[in-house]
Amino acid sequence: MEDRRRHPRRKTTCKIRLSNEHFGPINGNIRDLSESGVFVEVATTSDFSRGMLLEAEVLDSDWDQTLPPLTMKVVRIETDGIGLEFADPS
């Protein structure tokens, strides 16, 4: 099977907190990341829909906690998690 991804993925185990105006924080684990986005493992994917914008806070001691939350867009939903793409916050 051909890999059509624009950017190579890197495995990681960072924790992340996702939220938007419709639901409070949902914690997950970043499984892999690339220049364009991340895949987040979450307990349930029923709160998410494709195209939904989220605020994402990386909860890792190596991450600069003074940075504002990242704006991300749901681009893929699987049974074990969601694919998020970095989005323009405006």
PDB file of N, CA and C in Angstrom:
ATOM      1  N   MET A   1       0.836  -1.184   0.000  1.00  0.00           N
ATOM      2  CA  MET A   1       0.000   0.000   0.000  1.00  0.00           C
ATOM      3  C   MET A   1       0.885   1.254   0.000  1.00  0.00           C
ATOM      4  N   GLU A   2       0.592   2.174  -0.866  1.00  0.00           N
ATOM      5  CA  GLU A   2       1.368   3.398  -1.005  1.00  0.00           C
ATOM      6  C   GLU A   2       1.041   4.387   0.113  1.00  0.00           C
ATOM      7  N   ASP A   3       2.070   4.977   0.720  1.00  0.00           N
ATOM      8  CA  ASP A   3       1.887   6.000   1.748  1.00  0.00           C
ATOM      9  C   ASP A   3       1.821   7.348   1.058  1.00  0.00           C
ATOM     10  N   ARG A   4       0.665   8.027   1.137  1.00  0.00           N
ATOM     11  CA  ARG A   4       0.467   9.301   0.448  1.00  0.00           C
ATOM     12  C   ARG A   4       0.642  10.498   1.380  1.00  0.00           C
ATOM     13  N   ARG A   5       1.195  10.310   2.531  1.00  0.00           N
ATOM     14  CA  ARG A   5       1.368  11.409   3.483  1.00  0.00           C
ATOM     15  C   ARG A   5       2.364  12.425   2.950  1.00  0.00           C
ATOM     16  N   ARG A   6       2.061  13.708   3.247  1.00  0.00           N
ATOM     17  CA  ARG A   6       2.935  14.798   2.791  1.00  0.00           C
ATOM     18  C   ARG A   6       4.217  14.869   3.601  1.00  0.00           C
ATOM     19  N   HIS A   7       4.136  14.520   4.898  1.00  0.00           N
ATOM     20  CA  HIS A   7       5.287  14.638   5.786  1.00  0.00           C
ATOM     21  C   HIS A   7       5.493  13.334   6.556  1.00  0.00           C
ATOM     22  N   PRO A   8       6.747  12.983   6.822  1.00  0.00           N
ATOM     23  CA  PRO A   8       6.999  11.764   7.597  1.00  0.00           C
ATOM     24  C   PRO A   8       6.479  11.904   9.029  1.00  0.00           C
ATOM     25  N   ARG A   9       6.045  10.789   9.601  1.00  0.00           N
ATOM     26  CA  ARG A   9       5.546  10.751  10.970  1.00  0.00           C
ATOM     27  C   ARG A   9       6.660  10.351  11.923  1.00  0.00           C
ATOM     28  N   ARG A  10       6.556  10.871  13.152  1.00  0.00           N
ATOM     29  CA  ARG A  10       7.492  10.499  14.207  1.00  0.00           C
ATOM     30  C   ARG A  10       6.689  10.008  15.400  1.00  0.00           C
ATOM     31  N   LYS A  11       7.012   8.849  15.904  1.00  0.00           N
ATOM     32  CA  LYS A  11       6.333   8.284  17.069  1.00  0.00           C
ATOM     33  C   LYS A  11       6.649   9.117  18.307  1.00  0.00           C
ATOM     34  N   THR A  12       5.661   9.249  19.199  1.00  0.00           N
ATOM     35  CA  THR A  12       5.852   9.975  20.446  1.00  0.00           C
ATOM     36  C   THR A  12       4.849   9.466  21.469  1.00  0.00           C
ATOM     37  N   THR A  13       4.977   9.924  22.692  1.00  0.00           N
ATOM     38  CA  THR A  13       4.049   9.523  23.751  1.00  0.00           C
ATOM     39  C   THR A  13       3.592  10.725  24.572  1.00  0.00           C
ATOM     40  N   CYS A  14       3.525  11.887  23.971  1.00  0.00           N
ATOM     41  CA  CYS A  14       3.102  13.101  24.682  1.00  0.00           C
ATOM     42  C   CYS A  14       1.617  13.045  25.019  1.00  0.00           C
ATOM     43  N   LYS A  15       1.268  13.635  26.133  1.00  0.00           N
ATOM     44  CA  LYS A  15      -0.134  13.785  26.512  1.00  0.00           C
ATOM     45  C   LYS A  15      -0.647  15.100  25.927  1.00  0.00           C
ATOM     46  N   ILE A  16      -1.970  15.148  25.655  1.00  0.00           N
ATOM     47  CA  ILE A  16      -2.579  16.334  25.066  1.00  0.00           C
ATOM     48  C   ILE A  16      -3.983  16.516  25.635  1.00  0.00           C
ATOM     49  N   ARG A  17      -4.418  17.760  25.739  1.00  0.00           N
ATOM     50  CA  ARG A  17      -5.773  18.085  26.189  1.00  0.00           C
ATOM     51  C   ARG A  17      -6.472  18.831  25.051  1.00  0.00           C
ATOM     52  N   LEU A  18      -7.652  18.342  24.657  1.00  0.00           N
ATOM     53  CA  LEU A  18      -8.420  18.920  23.552  1.00  0.00           C
ATOM     54  C   LEU A  18      -9.720  19.515  24.083  1.00  0.00           C
ATOM     55  N   SER A  19     -10.139  20.655  23.510  1.00  0.00           N
ATOM     56  CA  SER A  19     -11.416  21.256  23.899  1.00  0.00           C
ATOM     57  C   SER A  19     -11.895  22.191  22.797  1.00  0.00           C
ATOM     58  N   ASN A  20     -13.174  22.547  22.866  1.00  0.00           N
ATOM     59  CA  ASN A  20     -13.743  23.600  22.034  1.00  0.00           C
ATOM     60  C   ASN A  20     -14.981  24.132  22.738  1.00  0.00           C
ATOM     61  N   GLU A  21     -15.763  24.966  22.050  1.00  0.00           N
ATOM     62  CA  GLU A  21     -16.905  25.593  22.724  1.00  0.00           C
ATOM     63  C   GLU A  21     -18.031  24.616  23.025  1.00  0.00           C
ATOM     64  N   HIS A  22     -18.009  23.400  22.454  1.00  0.00           N
ATOM     65  CA  HIS A  22     -19.087  22.429  22.644  1.00  0.00           C
ATOM     66  C   HIS A  22     -18.812  21.404  23.741  1.00  0.00           C
ATOM     67  N   PHE A  23     -17.561  21.215  24.102  1.00  0.00           N
ATOM     68  CA  PHE A  23     -17.263  20.255  25.171  1.00  0.00           C
ATOM     69  C   PHE A  23     -16.018  20.681  25.924  1.00  0.00           C
ATOM     70  N   GLY A  24     -15.956  20.237  27.175  1.00  0.00           N
ATOM     71  CA  GLY A  24     -14.821  20.555  28.035  1.00  0.00           C
ATOM     72  C   GLY A  24     -13.610  19.730  27.667  1.00  0.00           C
ATOM     73  N   PRO A  25     -12.591  19.777  28.471  1.00  0.00           N
ATOM     74  CA  PRO A  25     -11.338  19.110  28.112  1.00  0.00           C
ATOM     75  C   PRO A  25     -11.473  17.595  28.021  1.00  0.00           C
ATOM     76  N   ILE A  26     -10.852  17.058  26.967  1.00  0.00           N
ATOM     77  CA  ILE A  26     -10.720  15.622  26.774  1.00  0.00           C
ATOM     78  C   ILE A  26      -9.228  15.344  26.658  1.00  0.00           C
ATOM     79  N   ASN A  27      -8.726  14.462  27.498  1.00  0.00           N
ATOM     80  CA  ASN A  27      -7.300  14.130  27.470  1.00  0.00           C
ATOM     81  C   ASN A  27      -7.047  12.957  26.552  1.00  0.00           C
ATOM     82  N   GLY A  28      -5.902  12.988  25.898  1.00  0.00           N
ATOM     83  CA  GLY A  28      -5.505  11.910  25.009  1.00  0.00           C
ATOM     84  C   GLY A  28      -3.999  11.796  24.956  1.00  0.00           C
ATOM     85  N   ASN A  29      -3.540  10.893  24.122  1.00  0.00           N
ATOM     86  CA  ASN A  29      -2.107  10.671  23.928  1.00  0.00           C
ATOM     87  C   ASN A  29      -1.764  10.848  22.459  1.00  0.00           C
ATOM     88  N   ILE A  30      -0.753  11.664  22.195  1.00  0.00           N
ATOM     89  CA  ILE A  30      -0.286  11.823  20.820  1.00  0.00           C
ATOM     90  C   ILE A  30       0.502  10.573  20.460  1.00  0.00           C
ATOM     91  N   ARG A  31       0.054   9.848  19.432  1.00  0.00           N
ATOM     92  CA  ARG A  31       0.729   8.624  19.001  1.00  0.00           C
ATOM     93  C   ARG A  31       1.846   8.937  18.029  1.00  0.00           C
ATOM     94  N   ASP A  32       1.591   9.874  17.109  1.00  0.00           N
ATOM     95  CA  ASP A  32       2.640  10.297  16.187  1.00  0.00           C
ATOM     96  C   ASP A  32       2.372  11.732  15.754  1.00  0.00           C
ATOM     97  N   LEU A  33       3.429  12.359  15.252  1.00  0.00           N
ATOM     98  CA  LEU A  33       3.306  13.745  14.817  1.00  0.00           C
ATOM     99  C   LEU A  33       4.142  13.976  13.584  1.00  0.00           C
ATOM    100  N   SER A  34       3.775  15.037  12.865  1.00  0.00           N
ATOM    101  CA  SER A  34       4.511  15.441  11.669  1.00  0.00           C
ATOM    102  C   SER A  34       4.458  16.958  11.584  1.00  0.00           C
ATOM    103  N   GLU A  35       5.010  17.508  10.506  1.00  0.00           N
ATOM    104  CA  GLU A  35       4.966  18.955  10.299  1.00  0.00           C
ATOM    105  C   GLU A  35       3.538  19.461  10.143  1.00  0.00           C
ATOM    106  N   SER A  36       2.632  18.618   9.677  1.00  0.00           N
ATOM    107  CA  SER A  36       1.273  19.081   9.387  1.00  0.00           C
ATOM    108  C   SER A  36       0.241  18.719  10.447  1.00  0.00           C
ATOM    109  N   GLY A  37       0.560  17.800  11.360  1.00  0.00           N
ATOM    110  CA  GLY A  37      -0.444  17.444  12.350  1.00  0.00           C
ATOM    111  C   GLY A  37      -0.035  16.308  13.256  1.00  0.00           C
ATOM    112  N   VAL A  38      -1.037  15.759  13.965  1.00  0.00           N
ATOM    113  CA  VAL A  38      -0.815  14.697  14.942  1.00  0.00           C
ATOM    114  C   VAL A  38      -1.950  13.680  14.866  1.00  0.00           C
ATOM    115  N   PHE A  39      -1.694  12.472  15.374  1.00  0.00           N
ATOM    116  CA  PHE A  39      -2.756  11.505  15.606  1.00  0.00           C
ATOM    117  C   PHE A  39      -2.867  11.345  17.110  1.00  0.00           C
ATOM    118  N   VAL A  40      -4.088  11.519  17.628  1.00  0.00           N
ATOM    119  CA  VAL A  40      -4.325  11.482  19.065  1.00  0.00           C
ATOM    120  C   VAL A  40      -5.199  10.287  19.408  1.00  0.00           C
ATOM    121  N   GLU A  41      -4.712   9.443  20.304  1.00  0.00           N
ATOM    122  CA  GLU A  41      -5.518   8.337  20.823  1.00  0.00           C
ATOM    123  C   GLU A  41      -6.407   8.885  21.930  1.00  0.00           C
ATOM    124  N   VAL A  42      -7.720   8.648  21.824  1.00  0.00           N
ATOM    125  CA  VAL A  42      -8.689   9.085  22.823  1.00  0.00           C
ATOM    126  C   VAL A  42      -9.585   7.913  23.187  1.00  0.00           C
ATOM    127  N   ALA A  43     -10.210   7.991  24.376  1.00  0.00           N
ATOM    128  CA  ALA A  43     -11.068   6.909  24.857  1.00  0.00           C
ATOM    129  C   ALA A  43     -12.291   6.721  23.968  1.00  0.00           C
ATOM    130  N   THR A  44     -12.873   7.822  23.504  1.00  0.00           N
ATOM    131  CA  THR A  44     -14.027   7.741  22.614  1.00  0.00           C
ATOM    132  C   THR A  44     -13.921   8.835  21.559  1.00  0.00           C
ATOM    133  N   THR A  45     -14.367   8.518  20.363  1.00  0.00           N
ATOM    134  CA  THR A  45     -14.299   9.493  19.272  1.00  0.00           C
ATOM    135  C   THR A  45     -15.662  10.112  18.974  1.00  0.00           C
ATOM    136  N   SER A  46     -16.689   9.772  19.755  1.00  0.00           N
ATOM    137  CA  SER A  46     -18.051  10.215  19.454  1.00  0.00           C
ATOM    138  C   SER A  46     -18.254  11.724  19.589  1.00  0.00           C
ATOM    139  N   ASP A  47     -17.400  12.426  20.316  1.00  0.00           N
ATOM    140  CA  ASP A  47     -17.536  13.880  20.474  1.00  0.00           C
ATOM    141  C   ASP A  47     -16.984  14.658  19.283  1.00  0.00           C
ATOM    142  N   PHE A  48     -16.310  13.994  18.372  1.00  0.00           N
ATOM    143  CA  PHE A  48     -15.604  14.675  17.292  1.00  0.00           C
ATOM    144  C   PHE A  48     -16.299  14.481  15.948  1.00  0.00           C
ATOM    145  N   SER A  49     -16.137  15.477  15.076  1.00  0.00           N
ATOM    146  CA  SER A  49     -16.622  15.367  13.700  1.00  0.00           C
ATOM    147  C   SER A  49     -15.579  15.989  12.777  1.00  0.00           C
ATOM    148  N   ARG A  50     -15.516  15.495  11.537  1.00  0.00           N
ATOM    149  CA  ARG A  50     -14.554  16.028  10.576  1.00  0.00           C
ATOM    150  C   ARG A  50     -14.800  17.514  10.350  1.00  0.00           C
ATOM    151  N   GLY A  51     -13.716  18.276  10.300  1.00  0.00           N
ATOM    152  CA  GLY A  51     -13.805  19.710  10.095  1.00  0.00           C
ATOM    153  C   GLY A  51     -13.909  20.508  11.377  1.00  0.00           C
ATOM    154  N   MET A  52     -14.149  19.842  12.506  1.00  0.00           N
ATOM    155  CA  MET A  52     -14.268  20.514  13.805  1.00  0.00           C
ATOM    156  C   MET A  52     -12.934  21.148  14.191  1.00  0.00           C
ATOM    157  N   LEU A  53     -12.994  22.394  14.689  1.00  0.00           N
ATOM    158  CA  LEU A  53     -11.802  23.064  15.193  1.00  0.00           C
ATOM    159  C   LEU A  53     -11.684  22.842  16.689  1.00  0.00           C
ATOM    160  N   LEU A  54     -10.470  22.605  17.148  1.00  0.00           N
ATOM    161  CA  LEU A  54     -10.194  22.330  18.555  1.00  0.00           C
ATOM    162  C   LEU A  54      -9.042  23.182  19.048  1.00  0.00           C
ATOM    163  N   GLU A  55      -9.038  23.429  20.345  1.00  0.00           N
ATOM    164  CA  GLU A  55      -7.860  23.977  20.993  1.00  0.00           C
ATOM    165  C   GLU A  55      -7.111  22.797  21.588  1.00  0.00           C
ATOM    166  N   ALA A  56      -5.816  22.752  21.382  1.00  0.00           N
ATOM    167  CA  ALA A  56      -5.001  21.638  21.852  1.00  0.00           C
ATOM    168  C   ALA A  56      -3.863  22.168  22.714  1.00  0.00           C
ATOM    169  N   GLU A  57      -3.742  21.587  23.910  1.00  0.00           N
ATOM    170  CA  GLU A  57      -2.648  21.937  24.811  1.00  0.00           C
ATOM    171  C   GLU A  57      -1.800  20.691  25.029  1.00  0.00           C
ATOM    172  N   VAL A  58      -0.535  20.773  24.677  1.00  0.00           N
ATOM    173  CA  VAL A  58       0.375  19.647  24.896  1.00  0.00           C
ATOM    174  C   VAL A  58       0.783  19.660  26.365  1.00  0.00           C
ATOM    175  N   LEU A  59       0.634  18.511  27.021  1.00  0.00           N
ATOM    176  CA  LEU A  59       0.908  18.389  28.455  1.00  0.00           C
ATOM    177  C   LEU A  59       2.165  17.553  28.660  1.00  0.00           C
ATOM    178  N   ASP A  60       3.278  18.094  28.277  1.00  0.00           N
ATOM    179  CA  ASP A  60       4.539  17.373  28.354  1.00  0.00           C
ATOM    180  C   ASP A  60       5.569  18.275  29.005  1.00  0.00           C
ATOM    181  N   SER A  61       6.383  17.720  29.862  1.00  0.00           N
ATOM    182  CA  SER A  61       7.366  18.543  30.578  1.00  0.00           C
ATOM    183  C   SER A  61       8.380  19.181  29.640  1.00  0.00           C
ATOM    184  N   ASP A  62       8.601  18.601  28.465  1.00  0.00           N
ATOM    185  CA  ASP A  62       9.531  19.180  27.490  1.00  0.00           C
ATOM    186  C   ASP A  62       8.885  20.270  26.638  1.00  0.00           C
ATOM    187  N   TRP A  63       7.574  20.446  26.749  1.00  0.00           N
ATOM    188  CA  TRP A  63       6.844  21.435  25.957  1.00  0.00           C
ATOM    189  C   TRP A  63       6.790  22.744  26.725  1.00  0.00           C
ATOM    190  N   ASP A  64       6.957  23.859  26.046  1.00  0.00           N
ATOM    191  CA  ASP A  64       6.904  25.183  26.667  1.00  0.00           C
ATOM    192  C   ASP A  64       5.461  25.469  27.092  1.00  0.00           C
ATOM    193  N   GLN A  65       5.183  25.384  28.392  1.00  0.00           N
ATOM    194  CA  GLN A  65       3.822  25.536  28.910  1.00  0.00           C
ATOM    195  C   GLN A  65       3.327  26.982  28.859  1.00  0.00           C
ATOM    196  N   THR A  66       4.182  27.935  28.490  1.00  0.00           N
ATOM    197  CA  THR A  66       3.739  29.324  28.364  1.00  0.00           C
ATOM    198  C   THR A  66       3.135  29.600  26.981  1.00  0.00           C
ATOM    199  N   LEU A  67       3.276  28.650  26.061  1.00  0.00           N
ATOM    200  CA  LEU A  67       2.707  28.834  24.720  1.00  0.00           C
ATOM    201  C   LEU A  67       1.181  28.742  24.775  1.00  0.00           C
ATOM    202  N   PRO A  68       0.489  29.517  23.953  1.00  0.00           N
ATOM    203  CA  PRO A  68      -0.972  29.420  23.914  1.00  0.00           C
ATOM    204  C   PRO A  68      -1.395  28.094  23.291  1.00  0.00           C
ATOM    205  N   PRO A  69      -2.657  27.685  23.501  1.00  0.00           N
ATOM    206  CA  PRO A  69      -3.127  26.445  22.877  1.00  0.00           C
ATOM    207  C   PRO A  69      -3.019  26.519  21.354  1.00  0.00           C
ATOM    208  N   LEU A  70      -2.809  25.370  20.739  1.00  0.00           N
ATOM    209  CA  LEU A  70      -2.747  25.268  19.287  1.00  0.00           C
ATOM    210  C   LEU A  70      -4.158  25.116  18.731  1.00  0.00           C
ATOM    211  N   THR A  71      -4.431  25.704  17.588  1.00  0.00           N
ATOM    212  CA  THR A  71      -5.696  25.475  16.907  1.00  0.00           C
ATOM    213  C   THR A  71      -5.488  24.321  15.935  1.00  0.00           C
ATOM    214  N   MET A  72      -6.359  23.303  16.052  1.00  0.00           N
ATOM    215  CA  MET A  72      -6.230  22.124  15.211  1.00  0.00           C
ATOM    216  C   MET A  72      -7.589  21.763  14.626  1.00  0.00           C
ATOM    217  N   LYS A  73      -7.551  21.101  13.478  1.00  0.00           N
ATOM    218  CA  LYS A  73      -8.770  20.713  12.762  1.00  0.00           C
ATOM    219  C   LYS A  73      -8.822  19.190  12.647  1.00  0.00           C
ATOM    220  N   VAL A  74      -9.986  18.608  12.945  1.00  0.00           N
ATOM    221  CA  VAL A  74     -10.168  17.164  12.820  1.00  0.00           C
ATOM    222  C   VAL A  74     -10.252  16.814  11.332  1.00  0.00           C
ATOM    223  N   VAL A  75      -9.341  15.966  10.867  1.00  0.00           N
ATOM    224  CA  VAL A  75      -9.325  15.566   9.460  1.00  0.00           C
ATOM    225  C   VAL A  75      -9.588  14.072   9.263  1.00  0.00           C
ATOM    226  N   ARG A  76      -9.480  13.296  10.341  1.00  0.00           N
ATOM    227  CA  ARG A  76      -9.713  11.849  10.245  1.00  0.00           C
ATOM    228  C   ARG A  76     -10.205  11.333  11.587  1.00  0.00           C
ATOM    229  N   ILE A  77     -11.172  10.419  11.541  1.00  0.00           N
ATOM    230  CA  ILE A  77     -11.688   9.800  12.759  1.00  0.00           C
ATOM    231  C   ILE A  77     -11.588   8.292  12.595  1.00  0.00           C
ATOM    232  N   GLU A  78     -10.923   7.637  13.540  1.00  0.00           N
ATOM    233  CA  GLU A  78     -10.793   6.188  13.548  1.00  0.00           C
ATOM    234  C   GLU A  78     -11.347   5.667  14.874  1.00  0.00           C
ATOM    235  N   THR A  79     -11.418   4.377  15.044  1.00  0.00           N
ATOM    236  CA  THR A  79     -11.991   3.829  16.273  1.00  0.00           C
ATOM    237  C   THR A  79     -11.142   4.127  17.504  1.00  0.00           C
ATOM    238  N   ASP A  80      -9.832   4.236  17.323  1.00  0.00           N
ATOM    239  CA  ASP A  80      -8.952   4.451  18.471  1.00  0.00           C
ATOM    240  C   ASP A  80      -8.470   5.896  18.625  1.00  0.00           C
ATOM    241  N   GLY A  81      -8.876   6.789  17.731  1.00  0.00           N
ATOM    242  CA  GLY A  81      -8.409   8.162  17.863  1.00  0.00           C
ATOM    243  C   GLY A  81      -8.762   9.029  16.665  1.00  0.00           C
ATOM    244  N   ILE A  82      -8.149  10.220  16.647  1.00  0.00           N
ATOM    245  CA  ILE A  82      -8.452  11.210  15.616  1.00  0.00           C
ATOM    246  C   ILE A  82      -7.177  11.794  15.023  1.00  0.00           C
ATOM    247  N   GLY A  83      -7.233  12.085  13.728  1.00  0.00           N
ATOM    248  CA  GLY A  83      -6.142  12.773  13.052  1.00  0.00           C
ATOM    249  C   GLY A  83      -6.445  14.260  13.065  1.00  0.00           C
ATOM    250  N   LEU A  84      -5.477  15.035  13.534  1.00  0.00           N
ATOM    251  CA  LEU A  84      -5.634  16.494  13.621  1.00  0.00           C
ATOM    252  C   LEU A  84      -4.590  17.178  12.763  1.00  0.00           C
ATOM    253  N   GLU A  85      -5.007  18.241  12.104  1.00  0.00           N
ATOM    254  CA  GLU A  85      -4.122  19.052  11.263  1.00  0.00           C
ATOM    255  C   GLU A  85      -3.969  20.426  11.918  1.00  0.00           C
ATOM    256  N   PHE A  86      -2.749  20.959  11.914  1.00  0.00           N
ATOM    257  CA  PHE A  86      -2.536  22.307  12.431  1.00  0.00           C
ATOM    258  C   PHE A  86      -3.343  23.277  11.578  1.00  0.00           C
ATOM    259  N   ALA A  87      -4.061  24.192  12.240  1.00  0.00           N
ATOM    260  CA  ALA A  87      -4.918  25.122  11.540  1.00  0.00           C
ATOM    261  C   ALA A  87      -4.534  26.549  11.874  1.00  0.00           C
ATOM    262  N   ASP A  88      -4.920  27.457  11.014  1.00  0.00           N
ATOM    263  CA  ASP A  88      -4.710  28.890  11.252  1.00  0.00           C
ATOM    264  C   ASP A  88      -5.712  29.338  12.319  1.00  0.00           C
ATOM    265  N   PRO A  89      -5.257  29.930  13.421  1.00  0.00           N
ATOM    266  CA  PRO A  89      -6.162  30.298  14.511  1.00  0.00           C
ATOM    267  C   PRO A  89      -7.140  31.417  14.176  1.00  0.00           C
ATOM    268  N   SER A  90      -6.963  32.123  13.079  1.00  0.00           N
ATOM    269  CA  SER A  90      -7.864  33.239  12.760  1.00  0.00           C
ATOM    270  C   SER A  90      -9.118  32.806  12.046  1.00  0.00           C
TER     271      SER A  90
END
